[in-house]
Amino acid sequence: MDSSTVQDLIQRGMPEAKVEVNGPDGVHFEALVVSPAFAGKLPLARHRMVYATLGELMGGEIHALSLRTLTPDEAQRQ
């Protein structure tokens, strides 16, 4: 598994999102996902939306995924 594959999977599941994934060791990844679909959702719900795009890979080929999930407005303020 590599960062670009994880990024592609998230992007396919959330086509309106901007996605950046890093993970040089191939099992631990960090992702920034910016999506208007996150508006009004708590962090746990946002993370579940991203995890849903990865399905059974979570806990298997993807050992760990650290997420930052932001709306476009939140991303612009940072």
C-alpha atoms as a PDB file:
ATOM      1  CA  MET A   1       0.000   0.000   0.000  1.00  0.00           C
ATOM      2  CA  ASP A   2       1.280   3.468  -0.756  1.00  0.00           C
ATOM      3  CA  SER A   3       0.140   7.040  -0.144  1.00  0.00           C
ATOM      4  CA  SER A   4      -1.107   7.608  -3.673  1.00  0.00           C
ATOM      5  CA  THR A   5      -3.331   4.508  -3.527  1.00  0.00           C
ATOM      6  CA  VAL A   6      -4.868   5.619  -0.227  1.00  0.00           C
ATOM      7  CA  GLN A   7      -5.355   9.112  -1.643  1.00  0.00           C
ATOM      8  CA  ASP A   8      -7.046   7.716  -4.768  1.00  0.00           C
ATOM      9  CA  LEU A   9      -9.406   5.541  -2.719  1.00  0.00           C
ATOM     10  CA  ILE A  10     -10.501   8.456  -0.542  1.00  0.00           C
ATOM     11  CA  GLN A  11     -10.848  10.694  -3.597  1.00  0.00           C
ATOM     12  CA  ARG A  12     -13.026   8.146  -5.409  1.00  0.00           C
ATOM     13  CA  GLY A  13     -15.276   7.798  -2.369  1.00  0.00           C
ATOM     14  CA  MET A  14     -15.462  11.550  -1.803  1.00  0.00           C
ATOM     15  CA  PRO A  15     -15.065  13.098  -5.269  1.00  0.00           C
ATOM     16  CA  GLU A  16     -15.787  16.644  -4.080  1.00  0.00           C
ATOM     17  CA  ALA A  17     -12.978  16.520  -1.503  1.00  0.00           C
ATOM     18  CA  LYS A  18      -9.415  17.753  -1.675  1.00  0.00           C
ATOM     19  CA  VAL A  19      -7.201  14.984  -0.334  1.00  0.00           C
ATOM     20  CA  GLU A  20      -3.525  14.855   0.663  1.00  0.00           C
ATOM     21  CA  VAL A  21      -2.015  11.656   2.054  1.00  0.00           C
ATOM     22  CA  ASN A  22       1.482  10.984   3.389  1.00  0.00           C
ATOM     23  CA  GLY A  23       2.843   7.686   4.659  1.00  0.00           C
ATOM     24  CA  PRO A  24       6.401   6.797   3.807  1.00  0.00           C
ATOM     25  CA  ASP A  25       6.390   3.409   5.572  1.00  0.00           C
ATOM     26  CA  GLY A  26       3.391   1.988   3.682  1.00  0.00           C
ATOM     27  CA  VAL A  27       1.287   1.106   6.751  1.00  0.00           C
ATOM     28  CA  HIS A  28       0.969   4.332   8.763  1.00  0.00           C
ATOM     29  CA  PHE A  29      -0.644   7.254   6.955  1.00  0.00           C
ATOM     30  CA  GLU A  30      -1.608  10.858   7.616  1.00  0.00           C
ATOM     31  CA  ALA A  31      -4.391  12.431   5.588  1.00  0.00           C
ATOM     32  CA  LEU A  32      -5.843  15.891   5.203  1.00  0.00           C
ATOM     33  CA  VAL A  33      -9.339  15.752   3.751  1.00  0.00           C
ATOM     34  CA  VAL A  34     -11.176  18.995   2.964  1.00  0.00           C
ATOM     35  CA  SER A  35     -14.805  18.527   1.991  1.00  0.00           C
ATOM     36  CA  PRO A  36     -18.018  20.549   2.019  1.00  0.00           C
ATOM     37  CA  ALA A  37     -19.757  17.303   3.070  1.00  0.00           C
ATOM     38  CA  PHE A  38     -18.216  17.752   6.549  1.00  0.00           C
ATOM     39  CA  ALA A  39     -20.275  20.880   7.269  1.00  0.00           C
ATOM     40  CA  GLY A  40     -22.290  20.487  10.457  1.00  0.00           C
ATOM     41  CA  LYS A  41     -20.719  17.118  11.320  1.00  0.00           C
ATOM     42  CA  LEU A  42     -18.737  16.257  14.426  1.00  0.00           C
ATOM     43  CA  PRO A  43     -15.165  14.973  13.999  1.00  0.00           C
ATOM     44  CA  LEU A  44     -16.147  11.347  14.640  1.00  0.00           C
ATOM     45  CA  ALA A  45     -18.769  11.454  11.866  1.00  0.00           C
ATOM     46  CA  ARG A  46     -16.248  13.045   9.510  1.00  0.00           C
ATOM     47  CA  HIS A  47     -13.696  10.324  10.235  1.00  0.00           C
ATOM     48  CA  ARG A  48     -16.286   7.612   9.657  1.00  0.00           C
ATOM     49  CA  MET A  49     -17.043   9.119   6.253  1.00  0.00           C
ATOM     50  CA  VAL A  50     -13.361   8.843   5.303  1.00  0.00           C
ATOM     51  CA  TYR A  51     -12.984   5.350   6.779  1.00  0.00           C
ATOM     52  CA  ALA A  52     -15.978   4.213   4.728  1.00  0.00           C
ATOM     53  CA  THR A  53     -14.044   5.012   1.545  1.00  0.00           C
ATOM     54  CA  LEU A  54     -11.289   2.601   2.614  1.00  0.00           C
ATOM     55  CA  GLY A  55     -13.498  -0.283   3.744  1.00  0.00           C
ATOM     56  CA  GLU A  56     -11.723  -3.443   4.837  1.00  0.00           C
ATOM     57  CA  LEU A  57      -8.273  -1.998   4.199  1.00  0.00           C
ATOM     58  CA  MET A  58      -8.531  -0.198   7.555  1.00  0.00           C
ATOM     59  CA  GLY A  59      -6.903  -2.312  10.229  1.00  0.00           C
ATOM     60  CA  GLY A  60      -5.420  -4.559   7.578  1.00  0.00           C
ATOM     61  CA  GLU A  61      -3.221  -3.143   4.852  1.00  0.00           C
ATOM     62  CA  ILE A  62      -3.672   0.292   6.399  1.00  0.00           C
ATOM     63  CA  HIS A  63      -2.510  -0.190   9.966  1.00  0.00           C
ATOM     64  CA  ALA A  64      -3.065   3.413  11.076  1.00  0.00           C
ATOM     65  CA  LEU A  65      -4.572   6.534   9.565  1.00  0.00           C
ATOM     66  CA  SER A  66      -4.276   9.916  11.251  1.00  0.00           C
ATOM     67  CA  LEU A  67      -6.950  12.259   9.906  1.00  0.00           C
ATOM     68  CA  ARG A  68      -7.468  15.997   9.709  1.00  0.00           C
ATOM     69  CA  THR A  69     -10.946  16.602   8.348  1.00  0.00           C
ATOM     70  CA  LEU A  70     -11.971  20.161   7.527  1.00  0.00           C
ATOM     71  CA  THR A  71     -14.664  22.026   5.656  1.00  0.00           C
ATOM     72  CA  PRO A  72     -13.409  24.417   2.959  1.00  0.00           C
ATOM     73  CA  ASP A  73     -14.156  27.365   5.288  1.00  0.00           C
ATOM     74  CA  GLU A  74     -12.167  25.784   8.136  1.00  0.00           C
ATOM     75  CA  ALA A  75      -9.251  25.072   5.799  1.00  0.00           C
ATOM     76  CA  GLN A  76      -9.252  28.638   4.517  1.00  0.00           C
ATOM     77  CA  ARG A  77      -9.063  30.021   8.078  1.00  0.00           C
ATOM     78  CA  GLN A  78      -5.990  27.900   8.835  1.00  0.00           C
END
